[in-house]
N, C-alpha and C. Protein backbone atom coordinates (compact mmCIF):
# COMPACT_ATOMS: atom_id res chain seq x y z
N UNK A 1 -1.76 -9.41 -50.09
CA UNK A 1 -1.86 -7.98 -49.88
C UNK A 1 -1.45 -7.69 -48.44
N UNK A 2 -0.45 -6.82 -48.19
CA UNK A 2 0.01 -6.54 -46.84
C UNK A 2 -1.02 -5.73 -46.08
N UNK A 3 -1.07 -5.99 -44.76
CA UNK A 3 -1.97 -5.23 -43.90
C UNK A 3 -1.36 -3.87 -43.63
N UNK A 4 -2.17 -2.86 -43.65
CA UNK A 4 -1.71 -1.52 -43.36
C UNK A 4 -2.45 -1.00 -42.15
N UNK A 5 -1.69 -0.31 -41.29
CA UNK A 5 -2.29 0.29 -40.10
C UNK A 5 -2.31 1.80 -40.30
N UNK A 6 -3.49 2.35 -40.26
CA UNK A 6 -3.59 3.81 -40.43
C UNK A 6 -4.11 4.41 -39.15
N UNK A 7 -3.60 5.56 -38.80
CA UNK A 7 -4.05 6.30 -37.63
C UNK A 7 -5.06 7.33 -38.08
N UNK A 8 -6.16 7.47 -37.35
CA UNK A 8 -7.11 8.51 -37.73
C UNK A 8 -6.48 9.88 -37.52
N UNK A 9 -6.79 10.81 -38.39
CA UNK A 9 -6.18 12.14 -38.28
C UNK A 9 -6.72 12.90 -37.09
N UNK A 10 -7.96 12.65 -36.73
CA UNK A 10 -8.57 13.35 -35.61
C UNK A 10 -9.31 12.32 -34.76
N UNK A 11 -8.59 11.71 -33.77
CA UNK A 11 -9.25 10.66 -33.00
C UNK A 11 -10.43 11.21 -32.21
N UNK A 12 -11.44 10.36 -32.07
CA UNK A 12 -12.63 10.75 -31.30
C UNK A 12 -12.27 10.83 -29.83
N UNK A 13 -12.92 11.70 -29.08
CA UNK A 13 -12.63 11.76 -27.66
C UNK A 13 -12.92 10.44 -26.97
N UNK A 14 -12.16 10.15 -25.90
CA UNK A 14 -12.27 8.86 -25.21
C UNK A 14 -13.66 8.64 -24.63
N UNK A 15 -14.35 9.70 -24.27
CA UNK A 15 -15.66 9.51 -23.65
C UNK A 15 -16.81 9.54 -24.66
N UNK A 16 -16.50 9.64 -25.93
CA UNK A 16 -17.55 9.68 -26.94
C UNK A 16 -18.21 8.30 -27.04
N UNK A 17 -19.54 8.25 -27.05
CA UNK A 17 -20.20 6.96 -27.18
C UNK A 17 -19.88 6.32 -28.52
N UNK A 18 -19.68 5.02 -28.49
CA UNK A 18 -19.35 4.26 -29.69
C UNK A 18 -18.17 4.84 -30.45
N UNK A 19 -17.20 5.33 -29.70
CA UNK A 19 -15.98 5.87 -30.29
C UNK A 19 -15.28 4.77 -31.07
N UNK A 20 -14.78 5.08 -32.27
CA UNK A 20 -14.13 4.05 -33.07
C UNK A 20 -12.85 3.52 -32.42
N UNK A 21 -12.26 4.28 -31.49
CA UNK A 21 -11.02 3.80 -30.87
C UNK A 21 -11.31 2.76 -29.78
N UNK A 22 -12.56 2.62 -29.36
CA UNK A 22 -12.96 1.61 -28.39
C UNK A 22 -13.95 0.68 -29.05
N UNK A 23 -13.79 -0.60 -28.78
CA UNK A 23 -14.72 -1.57 -29.33
C UNK A 23 -15.98 -1.66 -28.50
N UNK A 24 -16.92 -2.39 -29.01
CA UNK A 24 -18.21 -2.56 -28.34
C UNK A 24 -18.04 -3.23 -26.98
N UNK A 25 -17.13 -4.20 -26.89
CA UNK A 25 -16.91 -4.91 -25.63
C UNK A 25 -16.39 -3.96 -24.57
N UNK A 26 -15.47 -3.08 -24.93
CA UNK A 26 -14.93 -2.13 -23.96
C UNK A 26 -16.01 -1.17 -23.48
N UNK A 27 -16.83 -0.69 -24.39
CA UNK A 27 -17.94 0.18 -24.00
C UNK A 27 -18.90 -0.55 -23.05
N UNK A 28 -19.19 -1.82 -23.35
CA UNK A 28 -20.06 -2.60 -22.48
C UNK A 28 -19.44 -2.75 -21.10
N UNK A 29 -18.13 -3.03 -21.04
CA UNK A 29 -17.44 -3.19 -19.76
C UNK A 29 -17.44 -1.90 -18.96
N UNK A 30 -17.18 -0.79 -19.61
CA UNK A 30 -17.18 0.51 -18.93
C UNK A 30 -18.57 0.79 -18.37
N UNK A 31 -19.59 0.54 -19.17
CA UNK A 31 -20.97 0.77 -18.73
C UNK A 31 -21.30 -0.15 -17.54
N UNK A 32 -20.89 -1.40 -17.61
CA UNK A 32 -21.17 -2.35 -16.53
C UNK A 32 -20.50 -1.92 -15.24
N UNK A 33 -19.22 -1.52 -15.31
CA UNK A 33 -18.51 -1.08 -14.11
C UNK A 33 -19.12 0.18 -13.52
N UNK A 34 -19.52 1.09 -14.37
CA UNK A 34 -20.17 2.32 -13.88
C UNK A 34 -21.49 1.98 -13.19
N UNK A 35 -22.21 1.03 -13.74
CA UNK A 35 -23.48 0.61 -13.14
C UNK A 35 -23.25 -0.08 -11.79
N UNK A 36 -22.22 -0.90 -11.69
CA UNK A 36 -21.89 -1.56 -10.43
C UNK A 36 -21.53 -0.52 -9.37
N UNK A 37 -20.73 0.48 -9.75
CA UNK A 37 -20.37 1.54 -8.80
C UNK A 37 -21.61 2.33 -8.36
N UNK A 38 -22.49 2.61 -9.29
CA UNK A 38 -23.71 3.36 -8.96
C UNK A 38 -24.56 2.58 -7.96
N UNK A 39 -24.73 1.29 -8.22
CA UNK A 39 -25.53 0.46 -7.32
C UNK A 39 -24.87 0.34 -5.95
N UNK A 40 -23.55 0.24 -5.90
CA UNK A 40 -22.84 0.18 -4.62
C UNK A 40 -23.04 1.48 -3.85
N UNK A 41 -23.03 2.59 -4.56
CA UNK A 41 -23.26 3.90 -3.92
C UNK A 41 -24.68 3.97 -3.34
N UNK A 42 -25.65 3.42 -4.07
CA UNK A 42 -27.04 3.42 -3.61
C UNK A 42 -27.23 2.54 -2.39
N UNK A 43 -26.44 1.46 -2.27
CA UNK A 43 -26.57 0.53 -1.15
C UNK A 43 -25.96 1.07 0.14
N UNK A 44 -25.16 2.12 0.04
CA UNK A 44 -24.53 2.67 1.24
C UNK A 44 -25.59 3.20 2.19
N UNK A 45 -25.38 2.94 3.46
CA UNK A 45 -26.29 3.46 4.47
C UNK A 45 -25.98 4.92 4.76
N UNK A 46 -26.85 5.54 5.53
CA UNK A 46 -26.70 6.94 5.89
C UNK A 46 -25.38 7.18 6.61
N UNK A 47 -25.03 6.28 7.54
CA UNK A 47 -23.80 6.45 8.30
C UNK A 47 -22.58 6.43 7.39
N UNK A 48 -22.56 5.51 6.43
CA UNK A 48 -21.44 5.45 5.49
C UNK A 48 -21.36 6.70 4.63
N UNK A 49 -22.50 7.21 4.22
CA UNK A 49 -22.52 8.43 3.41
C UNK A 49 -22.00 9.62 4.21
N UNK A 50 -22.41 9.70 5.48
CA UNK A 50 -21.92 10.79 6.34
C UNK A 50 -20.41 10.67 6.51
N UNK A 51 -19.93 9.46 6.79
CA UNK A 51 -18.49 9.25 6.96
C UNK A 51 -17.74 9.64 5.69
N UNK A 52 -18.30 9.30 4.52
CA UNK A 52 -17.65 9.67 3.25
C UNK A 52 -17.59 11.18 3.05
N UNK A 53 -18.69 11.87 3.37
CA UNK A 53 -18.73 13.32 3.20
C UNK A 53 -17.70 13.98 4.13
N UNK A 54 -17.67 13.53 5.37
CA UNK A 54 -16.72 14.10 6.33
C UNK A 54 -15.29 13.81 5.90
N UNK A 55 -15.01 12.57 5.52
CA UNK A 55 -13.66 12.20 5.08
C UNK A 55 -13.25 12.99 3.84
N UNK A 56 -14.18 13.16 2.92
CA UNK A 56 -13.87 13.92 1.70
C UNK A 56 -13.54 15.38 2.04
N UNK A 57 -14.35 15.98 2.92
CA UNK A 57 -14.10 17.37 3.29
C UNK A 57 -12.80 17.51 4.07
N UNK A 58 -12.54 16.59 5.00
CA UNK A 58 -11.33 16.72 5.82
C UNK A 58 -10.06 16.47 5.00
N UNK A 59 -10.21 15.87 3.85
CA UNK A 59 -9.06 15.66 2.98
C UNK A 59 -8.93 16.74 1.92
N UNK A 60 -9.53 17.90 2.15
CA UNK A 60 -9.50 18.97 1.15
C UNK A 60 -8.74 20.18 1.65
N UNK A 61 -8.37 21.05 0.75
CA UNK A 61 -7.69 22.29 1.13
C UNK A 61 -8.66 23.23 1.83
N UNK A 62 -9.95 23.14 1.56
CA UNK A 62 -10.92 23.98 2.26
C UNK A 62 -10.85 23.69 3.76
N UNK A 63 -10.70 22.43 4.13
CA UNK A 63 -10.57 22.05 5.53
C UNK A 63 -9.32 22.69 6.15
N UNK A 64 -8.24 22.69 5.41
CA UNK A 64 -6.99 23.31 5.88
C UNK A 64 -7.20 24.81 6.09
N UNK A 65 -7.83 25.47 5.13
CA UNK A 65 -8.04 26.91 5.25
C UNK A 65 -8.96 27.26 6.42
N UNK A 66 -10.02 26.48 6.62
CA UNK A 66 -10.93 26.70 7.75
C UNK A 66 -10.15 26.58 9.06
N UNK A 67 -9.30 25.58 9.14
CA UNK A 67 -8.53 25.38 10.37
C UNK A 67 -7.46 26.45 10.57
N UNK A 68 -6.85 26.87 9.49
CA UNK A 68 -5.89 27.98 9.62
C UNK A 68 -6.57 29.22 10.18
N UNK A 69 -7.74 29.52 9.65
CA UNK A 69 -8.48 30.70 10.12
C UNK A 69 -8.94 30.49 11.57
N UNK A 70 -9.48 29.32 11.85
CA UNK A 70 -9.98 29.04 13.19
C UNK A 70 -8.86 29.08 14.23
N UNK A 71 -7.79 28.32 14.00
CA UNK A 71 -6.69 28.29 14.97
C UNK A 71 -5.98 29.64 15.05
N UNK A 72 -5.80 30.26 13.89
CA UNK A 72 -5.15 31.58 13.89
C UNK A 72 -5.98 32.60 14.67
N UNK A 73 -7.29 32.62 14.43
CA UNK A 73 -8.17 33.54 15.16
C UNK A 73 -8.16 33.24 16.65
N UNK A 74 -8.19 31.97 17.00
CA UNK A 74 -8.18 31.57 18.41
C UNK A 74 -6.91 32.06 19.10
N UNK A 75 -5.77 31.83 18.46
CA UNK A 75 -4.49 32.24 19.05
C UNK A 75 -4.42 33.76 19.18
N UNK A 76 -4.78 34.47 18.12
CA UNK A 76 -4.72 35.94 18.15
C UNK A 76 -5.66 36.48 19.22
N UNK A 77 -6.88 35.93 19.30
CA UNK A 77 -7.84 36.41 20.31
C UNK A 77 -7.33 36.14 21.72
N UNK A 78 -6.69 35.00 21.92
CA UNK A 78 -6.21 34.67 23.26
C UNK A 78 -4.89 35.33 23.61
N UNK A 79 -4.26 35.93 22.65
CA UNK A 79 -3.06 36.72 22.96
C UNK A 79 -3.45 38.12 23.41
N UNK A 80 -4.71 38.47 23.26
CA UNK A 80 -5.20 39.77 23.69
C UNK A 80 -4.86 40.90 22.75
N UNK A 81 -4.55 40.59 21.50
CA UNK A 81 -4.13 41.61 20.53
C UNK A 81 -5.28 42.53 20.14
N UNK A 82 -6.51 42.08 20.24
CA UNK A 82 -7.65 42.90 19.83
C UNK A 82 -8.43 43.45 21.03
N UNK A 83 -7.78 43.45 22.18
CA UNK A 83 -8.42 43.96 23.38
C UNK A 83 -9.44 43.00 23.95
N UNK A 84 -9.48 41.76 23.44
CA UNK A 84 -10.38 40.73 23.97
C UNK A 84 -9.67 40.03 25.12
N UNK A 85 -10.38 39.87 26.21
CA UNK A 85 -9.80 39.16 27.33
C UNK A 85 -9.63 37.68 26.97
N UNK A 86 -8.45 37.10 27.19
CA UNK A 86 -8.24 35.68 26.84
C UNK A 86 -9.25 34.77 27.53
N UNK A 87 -9.83 33.85 26.76
CA UNK A 87 -10.83 32.93 27.28
C UNK A 87 -10.30 31.51 27.43
N UNK A 88 -9.09 31.26 26.95
CA UNK A 88 -8.46 29.96 27.08
C UNK A 88 -7.52 30.05 28.28
N UNK A 89 -7.85 29.47 29.45
CA UNK A 89 -7.18 29.77 30.70
C UNK A 89 -5.67 29.49 30.71
N UNK A 90 -5.25 28.36 30.27
CA UNK A 90 -3.82 28.04 30.25
C UNK A 90 -3.33 28.23 28.83
N UNK A 91 -2.03 28.10 28.61
CA UNK A 91 -1.55 28.31 27.23
C UNK A 91 -2.26 27.38 26.22
N UNK A 92 -3.43 27.82 25.81
CA UNK A 92 -4.22 27.15 24.77
C UNK A 92 -4.64 25.73 25.15
N UNK A 93 -4.94 25.49 26.39
CA UNK A 93 -5.37 24.16 26.87
C UNK A 93 -6.71 23.78 26.24
N UNK A 94 -7.64 24.71 26.18
CA UNK A 94 -8.95 24.42 25.61
C UNK A 94 -8.83 24.12 24.11
N UNK A 95 -8.01 24.90 23.42
CA UNK A 95 -7.79 24.67 21.99
C UNK A 95 -7.16 23.30 21.77
N UNK A 96 -6.21 22.94 22.60
CA UNK A 96 -5.56 21.64 22.50
C UNK A 96 -6.57 20.51 22.71
N UNK A 97 -7.44 20.66 23.71
CA UNK A 97 -8.44 19.63 23.98
C UNK A 97 -9.42 19.50 22.80
N UNK A 98 -9.89 20.62 22.28
CA UNK A 98 -10.81 20.59 21.14
C UNK A 98 -10.14 19.95 19.93
N UNK A 99 -8.89 20.34 19.69
CA UNK A 99 -8.14 19.75 18.57
C UNK A 99 -7.95 18.25 18.73
N UNK A 100 -7.68 17.81 19.94
CA UNK A 100 -7.51 16.38 20.21
C UNK A 100 -8.81 15.61 19.99
N UNK A 101 -9.91 16.16 20.48
CA UNK A 101 -11.20 15.51 20.27
C UNK A 101 -11.54 15.44 18.78
N UNK A 102 -11.27 16.52 18.09
CA UNK A 102 -11.53 16.53 16.65
C UNK A 102 -10.69 15.47 15.94
N UNK A 103 -9.44 15.35 16.34
CA UNK A 103 -8.56 14.35 15.73
C UNK A 103 -9.07 12.93 15.97
N UNK A 104 -9.57 12.68 17.17
CA UNK A 104 -10.12 11.35 17.48
C UNK A 104 -11.29 11.03 16.55
N UNK A 105 -12.22 11.96 16.43
CA UNK A 105 -13.40 11.71 15.58
C UNK A 105 -13.02 11.64 14.11
N UNK A 106 -12.14 12.52 13.66
CA UNK A 106 -11.75 12.49 12.25
C UNK A 106 -11.04 11.19 11.90
N UNK A 107 -10.16 10.73 12.78
CA UNK A 107 -9.46 9.47 12.49
C UNK A 107 -10.46 8.31 12.44
N UNK A 108 -11.50 8.36 13.26
CA UNK A 108 -12.52 7.32 13.22
C UNK A 108 -13.27 7.34 11.89
N UNK A 109 -13.64 8.53 11.42
CA UNK A 109 -14.32 8.63 10.12
C UNK A 109 -13.43 8.14 8.98
N UNK A 110 -12.15 8.49 9.05
CA UNK A 110 -11.22 8.03 8.02
C UNK A 110 -11.11 6.51 8.05
N UNK A 111 -11.03 5.93 9.25
CA UNK A 111 -10.94 4.47 9.35
C UNK A 111 -12.20 3.78 8.83
N UNK A 112 -13.36 4.36 9.08
CA UNK A 112 -14.61 3.80 8.56
C UNK A 112 -14.56 3.78 7.03
N UNK A 113 -14.15 4.90 6.44
CA UNK A 113 -14.06 4.97 4.97
C UNK A 113 -13.01 4.01 4.44
N UNK A 114 -11.86 3.92 5.12
CA UNK A 114 -10.81 3.01 4.67
C UNK A 114 -11.24 1.55 4.76
N UNK A 115 -11.96 1.20 5.82
CA UNK A 115 -12.44 -0.18 5.94
C UNK A 115 -13.34 -0.56 4.77
N UNK A 116 -14.23 0.35 4.40
CA UNK A 116 -15.11 0.07 3.26
C UNK A 116 -14.31 0.01 1.96
N UNK A 117 -13.31 0.88 1.84
CA UNK A 117 -12.48 0.87 0.63
C UNK A 117 -11.69 -0.44 0.55
N UNK A 118 -11.24 -0.96 1.68
CA UNK A 118 -10.53 -2.23 1.70
C UNK A 118 -11.47 -3.35 1.26
N UNK A 119 -12.69 -3.33 1.75
CA UNK A 119 -13.68 -4.34 1.34
C UNK A 119 -13.92 -4.27 -0.16
N UNK A 120 -14.06 -3.06 -0.70
CA UNK A 120 -14.25 -2.89 -2.14
C UNK A 120 -13.02 -3.38 -2.91
N UNK A 121 -11.83 -3.07 -2.40
CA UNK A 121 -10.59 -3.51 -3.06
C UNK A 121 -10.48 -5.03 -3.04
N UNK A 122 -10.89 -5.66 -1.94
CA UNK A 122 -10.88 -7.12 -1.87
C UNK A 122 -11.82 -7.73 -2.91
N UNK A 123 -12.99 -7.11 -3.08
CA UNK A 123 -13.94 -7.61 -4.09
C UNK A 123 -13.35 -7.47 -5.49
N UNK A 124 -12.70 -6.33 -5.77
CA UNK A 124 -12.09 -6.14 -7.09
C UNK A 124 -10.94 -7.12 -7.30
N UNK A 125 -10.16 -7.38 -6.25
CA UNK A 125 -9.06 -8.34 -6.36
C UNK A 125 -9.60 -9.74 -6.64
N UNK A 126 -10.70 -10.10 -5.98
CA UNK A 126 -11.34 -11.40 -6.22
C UNK A 126 -11.82 -11.50 -7.67
N UNK A 127 -12.44 -10.42 -8.17
CA UNK A 127 -12.89 -10.40 -9.56
C UNK A 127 -11.69 -10.52 -10.51
N UNK A 128 -10.63 -9.78 -10.23
CA UNK A 128 -9.41 -9.87 -11.05
C UNK A 128 -8.86 -11.30 -11.07
N UNK A 129 -8.83 -11.92 -9.90
CA UNK A 129 -8.33 -13.29 -9.82
C UNK A 129 -9.21 -14.24 -10.64
N UNK A 130 -10.52 -14.11 -10.50
CA UNK A 130 -11.41 -14.99 -11.25
C UNK A 130 -11.24 -14.81 -12.76
N UNK A 131 -11.12 -13.57 -13.18
CA UNK A 131 -10.94 -13.30 -14.62
C UNK A 131 -9.59 -13.82 -15.09
N UNK A 132 -8.56 -13.64 -14.28
CA UNK A 132 -7.23 -14.14 -14.65
C UNK A 132 -7.22 -15.66 -14.75
N UNK A 133 -7.88 -16.34 -13.81
CA UNK A 133 -7.95 -17.80 -13.87
C UNK A 133 -8.72 -18.26 -15.10
N UNK A 134 -9.82 -17.57 -15.40
CA UNK A 134 -10.59 -17.90 -16.59
C UNK A 134 -9.74 -17.67 -17.86
N UNK A 135 -9.04 -16.55 -17.91
CA UNK A 135 -8.20 -16.25 -19.08
C UNK A 135 -7.09 -17.29 -19.22
N UNK A 136 -6.48 -17.68 -18.09
CA UNK A 136 -5.42 -18.69 -18.14
C UNK A 136 -5.96 -19.99 -18.68
N UNK A 137 -7.15 -20.39 -18.23
CA UNK A 137 -7.75 -21.63 -18.71
C UNK A 137 -8.06 -21.55 -20.21
N UNK A 138 -8.62 -20.41 -20.62
CA UNK A 138 -8.95 -20.24 -22.04
C UNK A 138 -7.70 -20.24 -22.90
N UNK A 139 -6.64 -19.61 -22.43
CA UNK A 139 -5.38 -19.59 -23.20
C UNK A 139 -4.81 -20.99 -23.30
N UNK A 140 -4.90 -21.76 -22.21
CA UNK A 140 -4.44 -23.15 -22.24
C UNK A 140 -5.20 -23.94 -23.31
N UNK A 141 -6.52 -23.73 -23.37
CA UNK A 141 -7.33 -24.44 -24.37
C UNK A 141 -6.95 -24.01 -25.79
N UNK A 142 -6.72 -22.72 -25.98
CA UNK A 142 -6.33 -22.21 -27.30
C UNK A 142 -4.96 -22.78 -27.69
N UNK A 143 -4.02 -22.82 -26.74
CA UNK A 143 -2.70 -23.39 -27.04
C UNK A 143 -2.80 -24.87 -27.41
N UNK A 144 -3.65 -25.59 -26.72
CA UNK A 144 -3.83 -27.01 -27.03
C UNK A 144 -4.39 -27.16 -28.44
N UNK A 145 -5.40 -26.37 -28.77
CA UNK A 145 -5.99 -26.41 -30.11
C UNK A 145 -4.98 -26.00 -31.17
N UNK A 146 -4.25 -24.93 -30.91
CA UNK A 146 -3.24 -24.45 -31.86
C UNK A 146 -2.13 -25.48 -32.06
N UNK A 147 -1.71 -26.13 -30.98
CA UNK A 147 -0.69 -27.17 -31.08
C UNK A 147 -1.20 -28.32 -31.94
N UNK A 148 -2.48 -28.69 -31.73
CA UNK A 148 -3.06 -29.77 -32.54
C UNK A 148 -3.11 -29.40 -34.02
N UNK A 149 -3.49 -28.16 -34.31
CA UNK A 149 -3.54 -27.70 -35.71
C UNK A 149 -2.13 -27.70 -36.32
N UNK A 150 -1.16 -27.21 -35.53
CA UNK A 150 0.22 -27.16 -36.04
C UNK A 150 0.73 -28.57 -36.33
N UNK A 151 0.40 -29.50 -35.47
CA UNK A 151 0.83 -30.89 -35.71
C UNK A 151 0.16 -31.47 -36.94
N UNK A 152 -1.14 -31.17 -37.14
CA UNK A 152 -1.87 -31.65 -38.31
C UNK A 152 -1.26 -31.10 -39.59
N UNK A 153 -0.82 -29.84 -39.53
CA UNK A 153 -0.22 -29.21 -40.71
C UNK A 153 1.24 -29.56 -40.88
N UNK A 154 1.79 -30.27 -39.91
CA UNK A 154 3.19 -30.66 -39.99
C UNK A 154 4.17 -29.52 -39.69
N UNK A 155 3.71 -28.49 -39.02
CA UNK A 155 4.57 -27.35 -38.70
C UNK A 155 5.50 -27.68 -37.54
N UNK A 156 5.03 -28.48 -36.59
CA UNK A 156 5.83 -28.83 -35.41
C UNK A 156 6.25 -30.28 -35.54
N UNK A 157 7.54 -30.50 -35.29
CA UNK A 157 8.05 -31.87 -35.31
C UNK A 157 8.44 -32.24 -33.88
N UNK A 158 7.89 -33.32 -33.38
CA UNK A 158 8.24 -33.76 -32.03
C UNK A 158 7.55 -32.93 -30.96
N UNK A 159 7.87 -33.25 -29.75
CA UNK A 159 7.27 -32.58 -28.61
C UNK A 159 8.21 -31.50 -28.09
N UNK A 160 7.69 -30.33 -27.89
CA UNK A 160 8.43 -29.22 -27.28
C UNK A 160 8.00 -29.14 -25.81
N UNK A 161 8.93 -29.33 -24.86
CA UNK A 161 8.54 -29.33 -23.44
C UNK A 161 7.88 -28.01 -23.00
N UNK A 162 8.28 -26.91 -23.58
CA UNK A 162 7.69 -25.62 -23.21
C UNK A 162 6.24 -25.54 -23.67
N UNK A 163 5.96 -26.07 -24.87
CA UNK A 163 4.59 -26.07 -25.37
C UNK A 163 3.74 -27.00 -24.53
N UNK A 164 4.29 -28.18 -24.21
CA UNK A 164 3.54 -29.14 -23.40
C UNK A 164 3.23 -28.55 -22.02
N UNK A 165 4.18 -27.83 -21.45
CA UNK A 165 3.96 -27.19 -20.14
C UNK A 165 2.86 -26.12 -20.24
N UNK A 166 2.86 -25.36 -21.35
CA UNK A 166 1.87 -24.30 -21.53
C UNK A 166 0.47 -24.86 -21.73
N UNK A 167 0.36 -26.11 -22.17
CA UNK A 167 -0.94 -26.71 -22.43
C UNK A 167 -1.59 -27.27 -21.17
N UNK A 168 -0.86 -27.27 -20.05
CA UNK A 168 -1.42 -27.79 -18.79
C UNK A 168 -2.08 -26.66 -18.02
N UNK A 169 -3.30 -26.93 -17.51
CA UNK A 169 -3.98 -25.96 -16.64
C UNK A 169 -3.18 -25.80 -15.35
N UNK A 170 -3.18 -24.60 -14.84
CA UNK A 170 -2.51 -24.31 -13.58
C UNK A 170 -3.52 -24.47 -12.45
N UNK A 171 -3.11 -25.17 -11.40
CA UNK A 171 -3.96 -25.36 -10.23
C UNK A 171 -3.72 -24.19 -9.28
N UNK A 172 -4.69 -23.29 -9.11
CA UNK A 172 -4.49 -22.12 -8.26
C UNK A 172 -4.15 -22.49 -6.82
N UNK A 173 -4.75 -23.56 -6.30
CA UNK A 173 -4.47 -23.97 -4.92
C UNK A 173 -3.01 -24.38 -4.77
N UNK A 174 -2.47 -25.09 -5.76
CA UNK A 174 -1.07 -25.50 -5.71
C UNK A 174 -0.14 -24.29 -5.78
N UNK A 175 -0.49 -23.31 -6.62
CA UNK A 175 0.31 -22.09 -6.72
C UNK A 175 0.29 -21.34 -5.39
N UNK A 176 -0.89 -21.24 -4.79
CA UNK A 176 -1.02 -20.54 -3.51
C UNK A 176 -0.20 -21.24 -2.43
N UNK A 177 -0.25 -22.59 -2.39
CA UNK A 177 0.55 -23.33 -1.41
C UNK A 177 2.04 -23.09 -1.62
N UNK A 178 2.46 -23.05 -2.88
CA UNK A 178 3.88 -22.81 -3.17
C UNK A 178 4.31 -21.42 -2.72
N UNK A 179 3.46 -20.43 -2.96
CA UNK A 179 3.76 -19.07 -2.51
C UNK A 179 3.87 -19.03 -0.99
N UNK A 180 2.91 -19.67 -0.30
CA UNK A 180 2.95 -19.68 1.16
C UNK A 180 4.18 -20.40 1.69
N UNK A 181 4.58 -21.48 1.05
CA UNK A 181 5.77 -22.20 1.53
C UNK A 181 7.03 -21.37 1.30
N UNK A 182 7.09 -20.62 0.20
CA UNK A 182 8.23 -19.73 -0.06
C UNK A 182 8.27 -18.60 0.95
N UNK A 183 7.10 -18.05 1.28
CA UNK A 183 7.04 -16.97 2.27
C UNK A 183 7.51 -17.48 3.62
N UNK A 184 7.15 -18.72 3.97
CA UNK A 184 7.59 -19.33 5.22
C UNK A 184 9.10 -19.49 5.26
N UNK A 185 9.69 -19.85 4.10
CA UNK A 185 11.15 -20.00 4.03
C UNK A 185 11.84 -18.65 4.19
N UNK A 186 11.27 -17.61 3.55
CA UNK A 186 11.86 -16.27 3.65
C UNK A 186 11.81 -15.72 5.06
N UNK A 187 10.72 -16.04 5.81
CA UNK A 187 10.58 -15.52 7.17
C UNK A 187 11.52 -16.23 8.14
N UNK A 188 12.02 -17.42 7.78
CA UNK A 188 12.88 -18.15 8.72
C UNK A 188 14.29 -17.57 8.79
N UNK A 189 14.64 -16.69 7.90
CA UNK A 189 15.99 -16.11 7.94
C UNK A 189 16.12 -15.07 8.97
């Protein structure tokens, strides 16, 4: 009897719990990742939370609008258009100094947030690497088992070098050394 693939006429939304389009393992993984993110958010100190709030606000259009109004008002007031005596002694020297100080502090807050994001990205990359190495090892074991079954059934005759190569575990340290040696060769040009 041939296998038939049918598409549901009205797929469940992606965020629906126990949606038929997602398996139990995927739901478990999504829940686990959300829990890890929540716990990481809880572990943040007050300083990190403040830096995040400031960085988030400074990266928004509201920040742009506030500054347009602030700088625009400052310039108009110091041009004397509203009968206000200019309070910025030289051509906007005080405004320039305030803007420079603000830029120094904002760049520091952005760097604090970026440093933490880099640390988080490194952790995710490490997790990805560990999972990839585990998957590679498991696939190697499955290929070895499948090759043995095929030989028992007489499906494969003789040794196929590609299959034999696929059945060998990859040494991550050796791969890393090879990558580094290639990078060294590329930099010598």
